[in-house]
Amino acid sequence: QAHALREGEQRRAVELQADLARWRGELERSMSELTRVRDAHERERETSAAEGGALQTTVEALRTAVEELQTEGDALRGERDVIRQQVEEQREKLSAVETTLQDERQRGTVLA
């Protein structure tokens, strides 16, 4: 009976060692998968950070371009206003010359 008990304990010890070996293998595979996923996540985070930095640089460049275009637009509007004023002044001068010319024609001092 003691012999049978010892054989049962030995079988149980062998089963436990087999279970332990199987669990160790599963743990190693899980750790390997975890490392792979963590590394992939880290690469993805680095890529995202780089893309974010590139996007930030692009946004800043676009903001600068918009500011420059706004400044240029303001300058062009200012020039347009000056030109309109000059055109209006020339129209007034032309109108005055036409009026004077008509007056002179009516007086007969200028031949038609």
N, C-alpha and C. Protein backbone atom coordinates (compact mmCIF):
# COMPACT_ATOMS: atom_id res chain seq x y z
N GLN A 1 0.82 -1.19 0.00
CA GLN A 1 0.00 0.00 0.00
C GLN A 1 0.87 1.26 0.00
N ALA A 2 1.92 1.27 0.75
CA ALA A 2 2.84 2.40 0.75
C ALA A 2 3.48 2.56 -0.61
N HIS A 3 3.77 1.41 -1.26
CA HIS A 3 4.37 1.44 -2.58
C HIS A 3 3.40 2.07 -3.58
N ALA A 4 2.14 1.70 -3.50
CA ALA A 4 1.12 2.25 -4.40
C ALA A 4 0.96 3.75 -4.14
N LEU A 5 1.02 4.12 -2.87
CA LEU A 5 0.90 5.53 -2.52
C LEU A 5 2.06 6.32 -3.11
N ARG A 6 3.25 5.75 -3.03
CA ARG A 6 4.44 6.42 -3.56
C ARG A 6 4.35 6.52 -5.08
N GLU A 7 3.87 5.48 -5.75
CA GLU A 7 3.72 5.52 -7.21
C GLU A 7 2.70 6.60 -7.60
N GLY A 8 1.62 6.72 -6.84
CA GLY A 8 0.62 7.75 -7.10
C GLY A 8 1.21 9.14 -6.94
N GLU A 9 2.02 9.31 -5.89
CA GLU A 9 2.67 10.61 -5.67
C GLU A 9 3.64 10.91 -6.80
N GLN A 10 4.36 9.87 -7.25
CA GLN A 10 5.31 10.08 -8.35
C GLN A 10 4.58 10.45 -9.64
N ARG A 11 3.47 9.76 -9.93
CA ARG A 11 2.68 10.09 -11.11
C ARG A 11 2.17 11.53 -11.01
N ARG A 12 1.69 11.87 -9.82
CA ARG A 12 1.18 13.23 -9.62
C ARG A 12 2.30 14.25 -9.79
N ALA A 13 3.48 13.96 -9.29
CA ALA A 13 4.63 14.85 -9.45
C ALA A 13 4.99 14.99 -10.92
N VAL A 14 4.96 13.90 -11.67
CA VAL A 14 5.26 13.95 -13.11
C VAL A 14 4.21 14.79 -13.82
N GLU A 15 2.92 14.59 -13.47
CA GLU A 15 1.85 15.38 -14.08
C GLU A 15 2.02 16.87 -13.76
N LEU A 16 2.36 17.15 -12.49
CA LEU A 16 2.58 18.55 -12.11
C LEU A 16 3.76 19.16 -12.85
N GLN A 17 4.83 18.37 -13.04
CA GLN A 17 5.98 18.88 -13.79
C GLN A 17 5.61 19.13 -15.24
N ALA A 18 4.79 18.25 -15.80
CA ALA A 18 4.33 18.44 -17.19
C ALA A 18 3.47 19.70 -17.28
N ASP A 19 2.56 19.86 -16.30
CA ASP A 19 1.72 21.07 -16.27
C ASP A 19 2.59 22.31 -16.15
N LEU A 20 3.57 22.23 -15.26
CA LEU A 20 4.47 23.36 -15.05
C LEU A 20 5.24 23.69 -16.33
N ALA A 21 5.71 22.68 -17.04
CA ALA A 21 6.44 22.90 -18.29
C ALA A 21 5.51 23.52 -19.34
N ARG A 22 4.27 23.02 -19.41
CA ARG A 22 3.29 23.56 -20.36
C ARG A 22 2.99 25.02 -20.02
N TRP A 23 2.77 25.30 -18.74
CA TRP A 23 2.48 26.68 -18.34
C TRP A 23 3.67 27.60 -18.58
N ARG A 24 4.86 27.08 -18.35
CA ARG A 24 6.06 27.88 -18.59
C ARG A 24 6.15 28.23 -20.09
N GLY A 25 5.87 27.24 -20.95
CA GLY A 25 5.87 27.49 -22.39
C GLY A 25 4.82 28.52 -22.79
N GLU A 26 3.61 28.39 -22.21
CA GLU A 26 2.56 29.36 -22.49
C GLU A 26 2.95 30.76 -22.01
N LEU A 27 3.56 30.80 -20.83
CA LEU A 27 4.02 32.09 -20.29
C LEU A 27 5.08 32.70 -21.20
N GLU A 28 6.03 31.91 -21.68
CA GLU A 28 7.07 32.42 -22.56
C GLU A 28 6.47 32.93 -23.86
N ARG A 29 5.50 32.18 -24.43
CA ARG A 29 4.84 32.63 -25.65
C ARG A 29 4.06 33.93 -25.40
N SER A 30 3.39 34.00 -24.26
CA SER A 30 2.64 35.21 -23.92
C SER A 30 3.57 36.41 -23.74
N MET A 31 4.69 36.17 -23.06
CA MET A 31 5.65 37.26 -22.86
C MET A 31 6.24 37.70 -24.19
N SER A 32 6.51 36.75 -25.07
CA SER A 32 7.05 37.07 -26.39
C SER A 32 6.03 37.90 -27.19
N GLU A 33 4.77 37.49 -27.14
CA GLU A 33 3.71 38.23 -27.83
C GLU A 33 3.55 39.62 -27.23
N LEU A 34 3.60 39.71 -25.92
CA LEU A 34 3.50 41.00 -25.24
C LEU A 34 4.65 41.92 -25.66
N THR A 35 5.85 41.38 -25.73
CA THR A 35 7.01 42.17 -26.17
C THR A 35 6.82 42.63 -27.61
N ARG A 36 6.34 41.74 -28.47
CA ARG A 36 6.11 42.09 -29.89
C ARG A 36 5.07 43.21 -29.99
N VAL A 37 3.98 43.08 -29.25
CA VAL A 37 2.92 44.10 -29.29
C VAL A 37 3.43 45.42 -28.72
N ARG A 38 4.17 45.35 -27.62
CA ARG A 38 4.72 46.57 -27.02
C ARG A 38 5.67 47.27 -27.98
N ASP A 39 6.55 46.51 -28.64
CA ASP A 39 7.49 47.09 -29.60
C ASP A 39 6.75 47.72 -30.77
N ALA A 40 5.71 47.02 -31.26
CA ALA A 40 4.93 47.56 -32.38
C ALA A 40 4.23 48.85 -31.95
N HIS A 41 3.71 48.84 -30.74
CA HIS A 41 3.04 50.04 -30.22
C HIS A 41 4.04 51.20 -30.09
N GLU A 42 5.23 50.90 -29.62
CA GLU A 42 6.26 51.94 -29.47
C GLU A 42 6.65 52.51 -30.84
N ARG A 43 6.81 51.63 -31.84
CA ARG A 43 7.12 52.11 -33.19
C ARG A 43 5.98 52.98 -33.73
N GLU A 44 4.76 52.54 -33.47
CA GLU A 44 3.60 53.31 -33.91
C GLU A 44 3.54 54.66 -33.22
N ARG A 45 3.86 54.69 -31.93
CA ARG A 45 3.87 55.95 -31.19
C ARG A 45 4.96 56.87 -31.73
N GLU A 46 6.13 56.32 -32.03
CA GLU A 46 7.21 57.13 -32.59
C GLU A 46 6.82 57.68 -33.95
N THR A 47 6.18 56.84 -34.76
CA THR A 47 5.73 57.27 -36.08
C THR A 47 4.68 58.38 -35.94
N SER A 48 3.75 58.16 -35.03
CA SER A 48 2.71 59.17 -34.80
C SER A 48 3.31 60.48 -34.32
N ALA A 49 4.30 60.38 -33.44
CA ALA A 49 4.96 61.60 -32.95
C ALA A 49 5.66 62.32 -34.09
N ALA A 50 6.34 61.56 -34.95
CA ALA A 50 7.03 62.17 -36.09
C ALA A 50 6.02 62.81 -37.04
N GLU A 51 4.92 62.08 -37.30
CA GLU A 51 3.89 62.64 -38.18
C GLU A 51 3.26 63.87 -37.55
N GLY A 52 3.04 63.81 -36.24
CA GLY A 52 2.49 64.97 -35.54
C GLY A 52 3.42 66.17 -35.64
N GLY A 53 4.72 65.92 -35.49
CA GLY A 53 5.69 67.00 -35.63
C GLY A 53 5.69 67.58 -37.03
N ALA A 54 5.61 66.69 -38.02
CA ALA A 54 5.56 67.15 -39.41
C ALA A 54 4.29 67.95 -39.67
N LEU A 55 3.18 67.47 -39.12
CA LEU A 55 1.92 68.19 -39.29
C LEU A 55 1.98 69.56 -38.61
N GLN A 56 2.58 69.60 -37.44
CA GLN A 56 2.71 70.87 -36.72
C GLN A 56 3.54 71.86 -37.53
N THR A 57 4.63 71.36 -38.12
CA THR A 57 5.48 72.21 -38.96
C THR A 57 4.69 72.71 -40.16
N THR A 58 3.90 71.83 -40.77
CA THR A 58 3.08 72.22 -41.92
C THR A 58 2.05 73.27 -41.51
N VAL A 59 1.42 73.06 -40.37
CA VAL A 59 0.41 74.02 -39.89
C VAL A 59 1.07 75.38 -39.65
N GLU A 60 2.22 75.38 -39.04
CA GLU A 60 2.91 76.64 -38.77
C GLU A 60 3.29 77.33 -40.08
N ALA A 61 3.76 76.54 -41.06
CA ALA A 61 4.12 77.12 -42.36
C ALA A 61 2.88 77.71 -43.04
N LEU A 62 1.76 76.99 -42.93
CA LEU A 62 0.53 77.49 -43.54
C LEU A 62 0.05 78.76 -42.83
N ARG A 63 0.17 78.81 -41.52
CA ARG A 63 -0.22 80.03 -40.80
C ARG A 63 0.64 81.21 -41.23
N THR A 64 1.94 80.96 -41.36
CA THR A 64 2.85 82.02 -41.81
C THR A 64 2.46 82.49 -43.21
N ALA A 65 2.17 81.52 -44.09
CA ALA A 65 1.78 81.87 -45.47
C ALA A 65 0.48 82.68 -45.47
N VAL A 66 -0.47 82.29 -44.64
CA VAL A 66 -1.73 83.03 -44.56
C VAL A 66 -1.49 84.45 -44.06
N GLU A 67 -0.65 84.58 -43.04
CA GLU A 67 -0.35 85.92 -42.52
C GLU A 67 0.31 86.78 -43.60
N GLU A 68 1.24 86.17 -44.34
CA GLU A 68 1.91 86.91 -45.42
C GLU A 68 0.91 87.32 -46.50
N LEU A 69 0.01 86.40 -46.84
CA LEU A 69 -1.01 86.73 -47.85
C LEU A 69 -1.95 87.82 -47.35
N GLN A 70 -2.29 87.78 -46.07
CA GLN A 70 -3.14 88.83 -45.53
C GLN A 70 -2.43 90.18 -45.58
N THR A 71 -1.15 90.19 -45.23
CA THR A 71 -0.37 91.42 -45.28
C THR A 71 -0.30 91.94 -46.71
N GLU A 72 -0.02 91.02 -47.64
CA GLU A 72 0.06 91.40 -49.05
C GLU A 72 -1.29 91.91 -49.55
N GLY A 73 -2.37 91.23 -49.12
CA GLY A 73 -3.72 91.68 -49.50
C GLY A 73 -4.01 93.07 -48.98
N ASP A 74 -3.62 93.32 -47.73
CA ASP A 74 -3.82 94.65 -47.15
C ASP A 74 -3.06 95.70 -47.95
N ALA A 75 -1.81 95.38 -48.31
CA ALA A 75 -1.00 96.32 -49.09
C ALA A 75 -1.64 96.57 -50.45
N LEU A 76 -2.12 95.51 -51.10
CA LEU A 76 -2.75 95.68 -52.41
C LEU A 76 -4.04 96.49 -52.32
N ARG A 77 -4.80 96.28 -51.26
CA ARG A 77 -6.01 97.09 -51.08
C ARG A 77 -5.65 98.56 -50.88
N GLY A 78 -4.56 98.79 -50.15
CA GLY A 78 -4.10 100.17 -49.96
C GLY A 78 -3.70 100.79 -51.29
N GLU A 79 -2.96 100.04 -52.11
CA GLU A 79 -2.55 100.55 -53.43
C GLU A 79 -3.78 100.79 -54.30
N ARG A 80 -4.75 99.86 -54.24
CA ARG A 80 -5.98 100.01 -55.03
C ARG A 80 -6.71 101.30 -54.64
N ASP A 81 -6.77 101.56 -53.34
CA ASP A 81 -7.44 102.77 -52.87
C ASP A 81 -6.72 104.03 -53.38
N VAL A 82 -5.39 104.01 -53.37
CA VAL A 82 -4.61 105.15 -53.87
C VAL A 82 -4.88 105.33 -55.37
N ILE A 83 -4.88 104.23 -56.11
CA ILE A 83 -5.13 104.31 -57.56
C ILE A 83 -6.54 104.83 -57.83
N ARG A 84 -7.52 104.34 -57.08
CA ARG A 84 -8.90 104.84 -57.25
C ARG A 84 -8.97 106.35 -57.00
N GLN A 85 -8.26 106.77 -55.96
CA GLN A 85 -8.25 108.20 -55.64
C GLN A 85 -7.61 108.99 -56.79
N GLN A 86 -6.50 108.47 -57.33
CA GLN A 86 -5.84 109.15 -58.45
C GLN A 86 -6.74 109.18 -59.68
N VAL A 87 -7.43 108.08 -59.95
CA VAL A 87 -8.35 108.03 -61.09
C VAL A 87 -9.46 109.05 -60.90
N GLU A 88 -10.00 109.12 -59.70
CA GLU A 88 -11.06 110.09 -59.41
C GLU A 88 -10.56 111.52 -59.61
N GLU A 89 -9.33 111.79 -59.14
CA GLU A 89 -8.75 113.13 -59.32
C GLU A 89 -8.58 113.43 -60.80
N GLN A 90 -8.13 112.47 -61.59
CA GLN A 90 -7.96 112.68 -63.03
C GLN A 90 -9.30 112.90 -63.71
N ARG A 91 -10.33 112.15 -63.27
CA ARG A 91 -11.68 112.37 -63.84
C ARG A 91 -12.16 113.79 -63.56
N GLU A 92 -11.92 114.23 -62.32
CA GLU A 92 -12.32 115.60 -61.97
C GLU A 92 -11.57 116.61 -62.83
N LYS A 93 -10.27 116.42 -63.05
CA LYS A 93 -9.48 117.33 -63.89
C LYS A 93 -9.99 117.29 -65.32
N LEU A 94 -10.28 116.08 -65.83
CA LEU A 94 -10.78 115.94 -67.19
C LEU A 94 -12.13 116.64 -67.33
N SER A 95 -12.96 116.45 -66.32
CA SER A 95 -14.27 117.08 -66.34
C SER A 95 -14.12 118.61 -66.35
N ALA A 96 -13.18 119.12 -65.57
CA ALA A 96 -12.94 120.56 -65.53
C ALA A 96 -12.44 121.04 -66.89
N VAL A 97 -11.52 120.28 -67.52
CA VAL A 97 -11.01 120.66 -68.84
C VAL A 97 -12.13 120.63 -69.86
N GLU A 98 -12.99 119.59 -69.81
CA GLU A 98 -14.12 119.51 -70.75
C GLU A 98 -15.08 120.68 -70.57
N THR A 99 -15.33 121.01 -69.30
CA THR A 99 -16.21 122.14 -69.02
C THR A 99 -15.60 123.43 -69.56
N THR A 100 -14.33 123.65 -69.33
CA THR A 100 -13.64 124.85 -69.83
C THR A 100 -13.68 124.87 -71.35
N LEU A 101 -13.43 123.71 -71.98
CA LEU A 101 -13.45 123.63 -73.44
C LEU A 101 -14.83 123.95 -73.97
N GLN A 102 -15.87 123.46 -73.33
CA GLN A 102 -17.24 123.76 -73.77
C GLN A 102 -17.54 125.25 -73.61
N ASP A 103 -17.09 125.80 -72.50
CA ASP A 103 -17.31 127.23 -72.27
C ASP A 103 -16.61 128.05 -73.35
N GLU A 104 -15.38 127.68 -73.68
CA GLU A 104 -14.62 128.41 -74.71
C GLU A 104 -15.30 128.28 -76.07
N ARG A 105 -15.82 127.07 -76.35
CA ARG A 105 -16.50 126.87 -77.64
C ARG A 105 -17.76 127.75 -77.70
N GLN A 106 -18.48 127.77 -76.56
CA GLN A 106 -19.70 128.57 -76.55
C GLN A 106 -19.37 130.06 -76.75
N ARG A 107 -18.28 130.50 -76.23
CA ARG A 107 -17.88 131.89 -76.40
C ARG A 107 -17.29 132.14 -77.78
N GLY A 108 -16.97 131.04 -78.46
CA GLY A 108 -16.44 131.17 -79.80
C GLY A 108 -14.96 131.42 -79.84
N THR A 109 -14.28 131.27 -78.74
CA THR A 109 -12.85 131.52 -78.74
C THR A 109 -12.06 130.34 -79.25
N VAL A 110 -12.70 129.15 -79.26
CA VAL A 110 -12.03 127.95 -79.77
C VAL A 110 -12.85 127.47 -80.95
N LEU A 111 -12.22 127.23 -82.04
CA LEU A 111 -12.93 126.72 -83.22
C LEU A 111 -13.30 125.27 -83.02
N ALA A 112 -14.52 124.96 -83.39
CA ALA A 112 -15.01 123.61 -83.20
C ALA A 112 -14.45 122.67 -84.23
